[in-house]
């Protein structure tokens, strides 16, 4: 099963692979269990990615703080009497 691009760094692989055995009946029996396990792995990886992603509110607050800091720097005026030569 191909791992979605956004989950490859989390899982460290491009594909999930498992042997199903040489016998067709055995492979058919194991396939559903293996696919369910793969889906569970992908779901856990997606949850890990989502947990590390900042919320919109958190991102907006961080951006606002950065803009305020840039504005403060832009407004800072050096007083000629306070400058050292």
PDB file of N, CA and C in Angstrom:
ATOM      1  N   UNK A   1       0.861  -1.157   0.000  1.00  0.00           N
ATOM      2  CA  UNK A   1       0.000   0.000   0.000  1.00  0.00           C
ATOM      3  C   UNK A   1       0.911   1.225   0.000  1.00  0.00           C
ATOM      4  N   UNK A   2       0.629   2.180  -0.854  1.00  0.00           N
ATOM      5  CA  UNK A   2       1.418   3.404  -0.944  1.00  0.00           C
ATOM      6  C   UNK A   2       1.084   4.323   0.222  1.00  0.00           C
ATOM      7  N   UNK A   3       2.121   4.854   0.852  1.00  0.00           N
ATOM      8  CA  UNK A   3       1.954   5.786   1.966  1.00  0.00           C
ATOM      9  C   UNK A   3       1.756   7.176   1.374  1.00  0.00           C
ATOM     10  N   UNK A   4       0.722   7.916   1.803  1.00  0.00           N
ATOM     11  CA  UNK A   4       0.529   9.275   1.311  1.00  0.00           C
ATOM     12  C   UNK A   4       1.770  10.136   1.574  1.00  0.00           C
ATOM     13  N   UNK A   5       2.036  11.044   0.669  1.00  0.00           N
ATOM     14  CA  UNK A   5       3.233  11.882   0.728  1.00  0.00           C
ATOM     15  C   UNK A   5       3.389  12.576   2.078  1.00  0.00           C
ATOM     16  N   UNK A   6       2.306  13.114   2.617  1.00  0.00           N
ATOM     17  CA  UNK A   6       2.383  13.876   3.869  1.00  0.00           C
ATOM     18  C   UNK A   6       2.684  13.003   5.083  1.00  0.00           C
ATOM     19  N   UNK A   7       2.598  11.688   4.931  1.00  0.00           N
ATOM     20  CA  UNK A   7       2.860  10.781   6.055  1.00  0.00           C
ATOM     21  C   UNK A   7       4.206  10.067   5.944  1.00  0.00           C
ATOM     22  N   UNK A   8       4.896  10.251   4.850  1.00  0.00           N
ATOM     23  CA  UNK A   8       6.144   9.512   4.618  1.00  0.00           C
ATOM     24  C   UNK A   8       7.231   9.876   5.617  1.00  0.00           C
ATOM     25  N   UNK A   9       7.329  11.152   5.992  1.00  0.00           N
ATOM     26  CA  UNK A   9       8.343  11.536   6.984  1.00  0.00           C
ATOM     27  C   UNK A   9       8.043  10.915   8.341  1.00  0.00           C
ATOM     28  N   UNK A  10       6.783  10.835   8.696  1.00  0.00           N
ATOM     29  CA  UNK A  10       6.386  10.267   9.989  1.00  0.00           C
ATOM     30  C   UNK A  10       6.687   8.771  10.028  1.00  0.00           C
ATOM     31  N   UNK A  11       6.352   8.074   8.947  1.00  0.00           N
ATOM     32  CA  UNK A  11       6.528   6.617   8.917  1.00  0.00           C
ATOM     33  C   UNK A  11       7.906   6.192   8.425  1.00  0.00           C
ATOM     34  N   UNK A  12       8.581   7.072   7.703  1.00  0.00           N
ATOM     35  CA  UNK A  12       9.911   6.740   7.197  1.00  0.00           C
ATOM     36  C   UNK A  12       9.895   5.726   6.066  1.00  0.00           C
ATOM     37  N   UNK A  13       8.788   5.661   5.343  1.00  0.00           N
ATOM     38  CA  UNK A  13       8.706   4.736   4.211  1.00  0.00           C
ATOM     39  C   UNK A  13       7.687   5.230   3.195  1.00  0.00           C
ATOM     40  N   UNK A  14       7.840   4.735   1.965  1.00  0.00           N
ATOM     41  CA  UNK A  14       6.948   5.101   0.872  1.00  0.00           C
ATOM     42  C   UNK A  14       5.810   4.099   0.696  1.00  0.00           C
ATOM     43  N   UNK A  15       6.040   2.882   1.140  1.00  0.00           N
ATOM     44  CA  UNK A  15       5.038   1.823   0.984  1.00  0.00           C
ATOM     45  C   UNK A  15       4.966   0.963   2.240  1.00  0.00           C
ATOM     46  N   UNK A  16       3.798   0.433   2.486  1.00  0.00           N
ATOM     47  CA  UNK A  16       3.611  -0.573   3.527  1.00  0.00           C
ATOM     48  C   UNK A  16       3.493  -1.913   2.813  1.00  0.00           C
ATOM     49  N   UNK A  17       4.350  -2.844   3.200  1.00  0.00           N
ATOM     50  CA  UNK A  17       4.405  -4.145   2.535  1.00  0.00           C
ATOM     51  C   UNK A  17       4.412  -5.249   3.595  1.00  0.00           C
ATOM     52  N   UNK A  18       3.673  -6.334   3.309  1.00  0.00           N
ATOM     53  CA  UNK A  18       3.676  -7.494   4.207  1.00  0.00           C
ATOM     54  C   UNK A  18       3.517  -8.748   3.357  1.00  0.00           C
ATOM     55  N   UNK A  19       4.230  -9.798   3.727  1.00  0.00           N
ATOM     56  CA  UNK A  19       4.080 -11.047   2.979  1.00  0.00           C
ATOM     57  C   UNK A  19       2.723 -11.682   3.292  1.00  0.00           C
ATOM     58  N   UNK A  20       2.103 -12.230   2.261  1.00  0.00           N
ATOM     59  CA  UNK A  20       0.801 -12.877   2.439  1.00  0.00           C
ATOM     60  C   UNK A  20       0.895 -14.397   2.320  1.00  0.00           C
ATOM     61  N   UNK A  21       2.078 -14.894   2.016  1.00  0.00           N
ATOM     62  CA  UNK A  21       2.254 -16.335   1.866  1.00  0.00           C
ATOM     63  C   UNK A  21       2.173 -16.744   0.405  1.00  0.00           C
ATOM     64  N   UNK A  22       2.638 -17.923   0.117  1.00  0.00           N
ATOM     65  CA  UNK A  22       2.691 -18.403  -1.256  1.00  0.00           C
ATOM     66  C   UNK A  22       1.391 -18.997  -1.758  1.00  0.00           C
ATOM     67  N   UNK A  23       0.564 -19.464  -0.864  1.00  0.00           N
ATOM     68  CA  UNK A  23      -0.691 -20.110  -1.237  1.00  0.00           C
ATOM     69  C   UNK A  23      -1.773 -19.051  -1.436  1.00  0.00           C
ATOM     70  N   UNK A  24      -2.521 -19.162  -2.550  1.00  0.00           N
ATOM     71  CA  UNK A  24      -3.551 -18.166  -2.866  1.00  0.00           C
ATOM     72  C   UNK A  24      -4.625 -18.084  -1.781  1.00  0.00           C
ATOM     73  N   UNK A  25      -5.076 -19.196  -1.289  1.00  0.00           N
ATOM     74  CA  UNK A  25      -6.117 -19.182  -0.245  1.00  0.00           C
ATOM     75  C   UNK A  25      -5.602 -18.547   1.037  1.00  0.00           C
ATOM     76  N   UNK A  26      -4.358 -18.875   1.389  1.00  0.00           N
ATOM     77  CA  UNK A  26      -3.746 -18.276   2.579  1.00  0.00           C
ATOM     78  C   UNK A  26      -3.615 -16.765   2.396  1.00  0.00           C
ATOM     79  N   UNK A  27      -3.192 -16.330   1.210  1.00  0.00           N
ATOM     80  CA  UNK A  27      -3.031 -14.902   0.916  1.00  0.00           C
ATOM     81  C   UNK A  27      -4.374 -14.187   1.005  1.00  0.00           C
ATOM     82  N   UNK A  28      -5.408 -14.773   0.470  1.00  0.00           N
ATOM     83  CA  UNK A  28      -6.744 -14.171   0.531  1.00  0.00           C
ATOM     84  C   UNK A  28      -7.229 -14.049   1.974  1.00  0.00           C
ATOM     85  N   UNK A  29      -6.903 -15.063   2.785  1.00  0.00           N
ATOM     86  CA  UNK A  29      -7.299 -15.043   4.192  1.00  0.00           C
ATOM     87  C   UNK A  29      -6.573 -13.929   4.943  1.00  0.00           C
ATOM     88  N   UNK A  30      -5.288 -13.731   4.659  1.00  0.00           N
ATOM     89  CA  UNK A  30      -4.475 -12.752   5.375  1.00  0.00           C
ATOM     90  C   UNK A  30      -4.677 -11.325   4.870  1.00  0.00           C
ATOM     91  N   UNK A  31      -5.125 -11.174   3.629  1.00  0.00           N
ATOM     92  CA  UNK A  31      -5.173  -9.853   2.996  1.00  0.00           C
ATOM     93  C   UNK A  31      -5.995  -8.837   3.795  1.00  0.00           C
ATOM     94  N   UNK A  32      -7.165  -9.205   4.237  1.00  0.00           N
ATOM     95  CA  UNK A  32      -8.031  -8.271   4.957  1.00  0.00           C
ATOM     96  C   UNK A  32      -7.395  -7.835   6.282  1.00  0.00           C
ATOM     97  N   UNK A  33      -6.798  -8.763   6.991  1.00  0.00           N
ATOM     98  CA  UNK A  33      -6.134  -8.450   8.262  1.00  0.00           C
ATOM     99  C   UNK A  33      -4.973  -7.490   8.024  1.00  0.00           C
ATOM    100  N   UNK A  34      -4.190  -7.770   6.985  1.00  0.00           N
ATOM    101  CA  UNK A  34      -3.038  -6.915   6.677  1.00  0.00           C
ATOM    102  C   UNK A  34      -3.503  -5.524   6.261  1.00  0.00           C
ATOM    103  N   UNK A  35      -4.527  -5.444   5.415  1.00  0.00           N
ATOM    104  CA  UNK A  35      -5.047  -4.140   4.994  1.00  0.00           C
ATOM    105  C   UNK A  35      -5.590  -3.344   6.179  1.00  0.00           C
ATOM    106  N   UNK A  36      -6.285  -4.004   7.082  1.00  0.00           N
ATOM    107  CA  UNK A  36      -6.793  -3.319   8.279  1.00  0.00           C
ATOM    108  C   UNK A  36      -5.637  -2.786   9.127  1.00  0.00           C
ATOM    109  N   UNK A  37      -4.569  -3.567   9.241  1.00  0.00           N
ATOM    110  CA  UNK A  37      -3.394  -3.129   9.996  1.00  0.00           C
ATOM    111  C   UNK A  37      -2.751  -1.920   9.308  1.00  0.00           C
ATOM    112  N   UNK A  38      -2.635  -1.960   7.980  1.00  0.00           N
ATOM    113  CA  UNK A  38      -2.064  -0.835   7.238  1.00  0.00           C
ATOM    114  C   UNK A  38      -2.893   0.427   7.438  1.00  0.00           C
ATOM    115  N   UNK A  39      -4.209   0.287   7.372  1.00  0.00           N
ATOM    116  CA  UNK A  39      -5.078   1.454   7.575  1.00  0.00           C
ATOM    117  C   UNK A  39      -4.933   2.016   8.984  1.00  0.00           C
ATOM    118  N   UNK A  40      -4.776   1.147   9.966  1.00  0.00           N
ATOM    119  CA  UNK A  40      -4.569   1.603  11.349  1.00  0.00           C
ATOM    120  C   UNK A  40      -3.238   2.362  11.469  1.00  0.00           C
ATOM    121  N   UNK A  41      -2.198   1.872  10.810  1.00  0.00           N
ATOM    122  CA  UNK A  41      -0.892   2.541  10.832  1.00  0.00           C
ATOM    123  C   UNK A  41      -1.007   3.926  10.205  1.00  0.00           C
ATOM    124  N   UNK A  42      -1.684   4.009   9.068  1.00  0.00           N
ATOM    125  CA  UNK A  42      -1.859   5.304   8.385  1.00  0.00           C
ATOM    126  C   UNK A  42      -2.689   6.265   9.233  1.00  0.00           C
ATOM    127  N   UNK A  43      -3.695   5.745   9.903  1.00  0.00           N
ATOM    128  CA  UNK A  43      -4.532   6.587  10.758  1.00  0.00           C
ATOM    129  C   UNK A  43      -3.725   7.146  11.936  1.00  0.00           C
ATOM    130  N   UNK A  44      -2.894   6.311  12.549  1.00  0.00           N
ATOM    131  CA  UNK A  44      -2.047   6.781  13.651  1.00  0.00           C
ATOM    132  C   UNK A  44      -1.057   7.840  13.175  1.00  0.00           C
ATOM    133  N   UNK A  45      -0.495   7.641  12.005  1.00  0.00           N
ATOM    134  CA  UNK A  45       0.441   8.620  11.452  1.00  0.00           C
ATOM    135  C   UNK A  45      -0.270   9.943  11.172  1.00  0.00           C
ATOM    136  N   UNK A  46      -1.489   9.858  10.646  1.00  0.00           N
ATOM    137  CA  UNK A  46      -2.266  11.078  10.372  1.00  0.00           C
ATOM    138  C   UNK A  46      -2.573  11.812  11.671  1.00  0.00           C
ATOM    139  N   UNK A  47      -2.892  11.089  12.719  1.00  0.00           N
ATOM    140  CA  UNK A  47      -3.157  11.714  14.019  1.00  0.00           C
ATOM    141  C   UNK A  47      -1.902  12.388  14.561  1.00  0.00           C
ATOM    142  N   UNK A  48      -0.745  11.781  14.360  1.00  0.00           N
ATOM    143  CA  UNK A  48       0.519  12.374  14.806  1.00  0.00           C
ATOM    144  C   UNK A  48       0.800  13.666  14.052  1.00  0.00           C
ATOM    145  N   UNK A  49       0.548  13.665  12.750  1.00  0.00           N
ATOM    146  CA  UNK A  49       0.741  14.876  11.947  1.00  0.00           C
ATOM    147  C   UNK A  49      -0.212  15.972  12.428  1.00  0.00           C
ATOM    148  N   UNK A  50      -1.463  15.624  12.645  1.00  0.00           N
ATOM    149  CA  UNK A  50      -2.467  16.601  13.077  1.00  0.00           C
ATOM    150  C   UNK A  50      -2.140  17.153  14.465  1.00  0.00           C
ATOM    151  N   UNK A  51      -1.611  16.330  15.347  1.00  0.00           N
ATOM    152  CA  UNK A  51      -1.282  16.780  16.705  1.00  0.00           C
ATOM    153  C   UNK A  51      -0.136  17.792  16.696  1.00  0.00           C
ATOM    154  N   UNK A  52       0.759  17.680  15.721  1.00  0.00           N
ATOM    155  CA  UNK A  52       1.897  18.597  15.645  1.00  0.00           C
ATOM    156  C   UNK A  52       1.602  19.857  14.846  1.00  0.00           C
ATOM    157  N   UNK A  53       0.459  19.902  14.204  1.00  0.00           N
ATOM    158  CA  UNK A  53       0.082  21.061  13.403  1.00  0.00           C
ATOM    159  C   UNK A  53      -0.580  22.090  14.327  1.00  0.00           C
ATOM    160  N   UNK A  54      -0.108  23.340  14.297  1.00  0.00           N
ATOM    161  CA  UNK A  54      -0.732  24.337  15.163  1.00  0.00           C
ATOM    162  C   UNK A  54      -2.157  24.633  14.699  1.00  0.00           C
ATOM    163  N   UNK A  55      -2.996  24.981  15.657  1.00  0.00           N
ATOM    164  CA  UNK A  55      -4.365  25.347  15.303  1.00  0.00           C
ATOM    165  C   UNK A  55      -4.338  26.696  14.594  1.00  0.00           C
ATOM    166  N   UNK A  56      -5.407  27.032  13.938  1.00  0.00           N
ATOM    167  CA  UNK A  56      -5.502  28.307  13.235  1.00  0.00           C
ATOM    168  C   UNK A  56      -5.334  29.460  14.216  1.00  0.00           C
ATOM    169  N   UNK A  57      -5.921  29.337  15.384  1.00  0.00           N
ATOM    170  CA  UNK A  57      -5.821  30.376  16.405  1.00  0.00           C
ATOM    171  C   UNK A  57      -4.371  30.562  16.863  1.00  0.00           C
ATOM    172  N   UNK A  58      -3.679  29.472  17.109  1.00  0.00           N
ATOM    173  CA  UNK A  58      -2.288  29.536  17.542  1.00  0.00           C
ATOM    174  C   UNK A  58      -1.411  30.156  16.459  1.00  0.00           C
ATOM    175  N   UNK A  59      -1.622  29.759  15.222  1.00  0.00           N
ATOM    176  CA  UNK A  59      -0.842  30.305  14.110  1.00  0.00           C
ATOM    177  C   UNK A  59      -1.116  31.796  13.945  1.00  0.00           C
ATOM    178  N   UNK A  60      -2.368  32.206  14.081  1.00  0.00           N
ATOM    179  CA  UNK A  60      -2.729  33.615  13.939  1.00  0.00           C
ATOM    180  C   UNK A  60      -2.089  34.455  15.049  1.00  0.00           C
ATOM    181  N   UNK A  61      -2.107  33.936  16.269  1.00  0.00           N
ATOM    182  CA  UNK A  61      -1.490  34.665  17.383  1.00  0.00           C
ATOM    183  C   UNK A  61       0.019  34.805  17.188  1.00  0.00           C
ATOM    184  N   UNK A  62       0.669  33.763  16.721  1.00  0.00           N
ATOM    185  CA  UNK A  62       2.114  33.821  16.478  1.00  0.00           C
ATOM    186  C   UNK A  62       2.427  34.825  15.386  1.00  0.00           C
ATOM    187  N   UNK A  63       1.630  34.836  14.345  1.00  0.00           N
ATOM    188  CA  UNK A  63       1.833  35.796  13.254  1.00  0.00           C
ATOM    189  C   UNK A  63       1.633  37.227  13.760  1.00  0.00           C
ATOM    190  N   UNK A  64       0.605  37.438  14.556  1.00  0.00           N
ATOM    191  CA  UNK A  64       0.317  38.765  15.094  1.00  0.00           C
ATOM    192  C   UNK A  64       1.466  39.250  15.982  1.00  0.00           C
ATOM    193  N   UNK A  65       2.004  38.372  16.836  1.00  0.00           N
ATOM    194  CA  UNK A  65       3.141  38.753  17.685  1.00  0.00           C
ATOM    195  C   UNK A  65       4.354  39.122  16.839  1.00  0.00           C
ATOM    196  N   UNK A  66       4.598  38.357  15.781  1.00  0.00           N
ATOM    197  CA  UNK A  66       5.734  38.656  14.899  1.00  0.00           C
ATOM    198  C   UNK A  66       5.540  40.000  14.203  1.00  0.00           C
ATOM    199  N   UNK A  67       4.336  40.286  13.773  1.00  0.00           N
ATOM    200  CA  UNK A  67       4.057  41.571  13.122  1.00  0.00           C
ATOM    201  C   UNK A  67       4.216  42.732  14.104  1.00  0.00           C
ATOM    202  N   UNK A  68       3.781  42.547  15.346  1.00  0.00           N
ATOM    203  CA  UNK A  68       3.966  43.589  16.359  1.00  0.00           C
ATOM    204  C   UNK A  68       5.445  43.847  16.624  1.00  0.00           C
ATOM    205  N   UNK A  69       6.227  42.791  16.695  1.00  0.00           N
ATOM    206  CA  UNK A  69       7.666  42.930  16.917  1.00  0.00           C
ATOM    207  C   UNK A  69       8.313  43.673  15.752  1.00  0.00           C
ATOM    208  N   UNK A  70       7.925  43.351  14.533  1.00  0.00           N
ATOM    209  CA  UNK A  70       8.460  44.054  13.362  1.00  0.00           C
ATOM    210  C   UNK A  70       8.043  45.517  13.365  1.00  0.00           C
ATOM    211  N   UNK A  71       6.825  45.789  13.768  1.00  0.00           N
ATOM    212  CA  UNK A  71       6.344  47.161  13.842  1.00  0.00           C
ATOM    213  C   UNK A  71       7.117  47.948  14.899  1.00  0.00           C
ATOM    214  N   UNK A  72       7.366  47.319  16.051  1.00  0.00           N
ATOM    215  CA  UNK A  72       8.140  47.980  17.108  1.00  0.00           C
ATOM    216  C   UNK A  72       9.539  48.337  16.610  1.00  0.00           C
ATOM    217  N   UNK A  73      10.157  47.430  15.878  1.00  0.00           N
ATOM    218  CA  UNK A  73      11.494  47.697  15.340  1.00  0.00           C
ATOM    219  C   UNK A  73      11.456  48.854  14.353  1.00  0.00           C
ATOM    220  N   UNK A  74      10.413  48.891  13.542  1.00  0.00           N
ATOM    221  CA  UNK A  74      10.279  49.959  12.545  1.00  0.00           C
ATOM    222  C   UNK A  74      10.019  51.308  13.160  1.00  0.00           C
ATOM    223  N   UNK A  75       9.384  51.339  14.315  1.00  0.00           N
ATOM    224  CA  UNK A  75       9.060  52.602  14.971  1.00  0.00           C
ATOM    225  C   UNK A  75      10.166  53.085  15.911  1.00  0.00           C
ATOM    226  N   UNK A  76      11.094  52.214  16.226  1.00  0.00           N
ATOM    227  CA  UNK A  76      12.176  52.601  17.134  1.00  0.00           C
ATOM    228  C   UNK A  76      13.004  53.697  16.477  1.00  0.00           C
ATOM    229  N   UNK A  77      13.118  54.811  17.192  1.00  0.00           N
ATOM    230  CA  UNK A  77      13.887  55.951  16.688  1.00  0.00           C
ATOM    231  C   UNK A  77      14.987  56.227  17.689  1.00  0.00           C
ATOM    232  N   UNK A  78      16.148  56.355  17.166  1.00  0.00           N
ATOM    233  CA  UNK A  78      17.263  56.671  18.057  1.00  0.00           C
ATOM    234  C   UNK A  78      17.303  58.172  18.282  1.00  0.00           C
ATOM    235  N   UNK A  79      17.361  58.521  19.523  1.00  0.00           N
ATOM    236  CA  UNK A  79      17.464  59.931  19.883  1.00  0.00           C
ATOM    237  C   UNK A  79      18.927  60.345  19.709  1.00  0.00           C
ATOM    238  N   UNK A  80      19.174  61.459  19.003  1.00  0.00           N
ATOM    239  CA  UNK A  80      20.563  61.866  18.738  1.00  0.00           C
ATOM    240  C   UNK A  80      21.402  62.040  20.002  1.00  0.00           C
ATOM    241  N   UNK A  81      20.818  62.497  21.099  1.00  0.00           N
ATOM    242  CA  UNK A  81      21.578  62.724  22.335  1.00  0.00           C
ATOM    243  C   UNK A  81      21.938  61.411  23.033  1.00  0.00           C
ATOM    244  N   UNK A  82      21.195  60.339  22.731  1.00  0.00           N
ATOM    245  CA  UNK A  82      21.436  59.048  23.385  1.00  0.00           C
ATOM    246  C   UNK A  82      22.422  58.186  22.611  1.00  0.00           C
ATOM    247  N   UNK A  83      22.752  58.569  21.400  1.00  0.00           N
ATOM    248  CA  UNK A  83      23.680  57.772  20.607  1.00  0.00           C
ATOM    249  C   UNK A  83      25.098  57.973  21.109  1.00  0.00           C
ATOM    250  N   UNK A  84      25.845  56.908  21.098  1.00  0.00           N
ATOM    251  CA  UNK A  84      27.249  56.995  21.483  1.00  0.00           C
ATOM    252  C   UNK A  84      28.097  57.030  20.230  1.00  0.00           C
ATOM    253  N   UNK A  85      29.178  57.783  20.304  1.00  0.00           N
ATOM    254  CA  UNK A  85      30.052  57.908  19.120  1.00  0.00           C
ATOM    255  C   UNK A  85      31.274  57.104  19.297  1.00  0.00           C
TER     256      UNK A  85
END
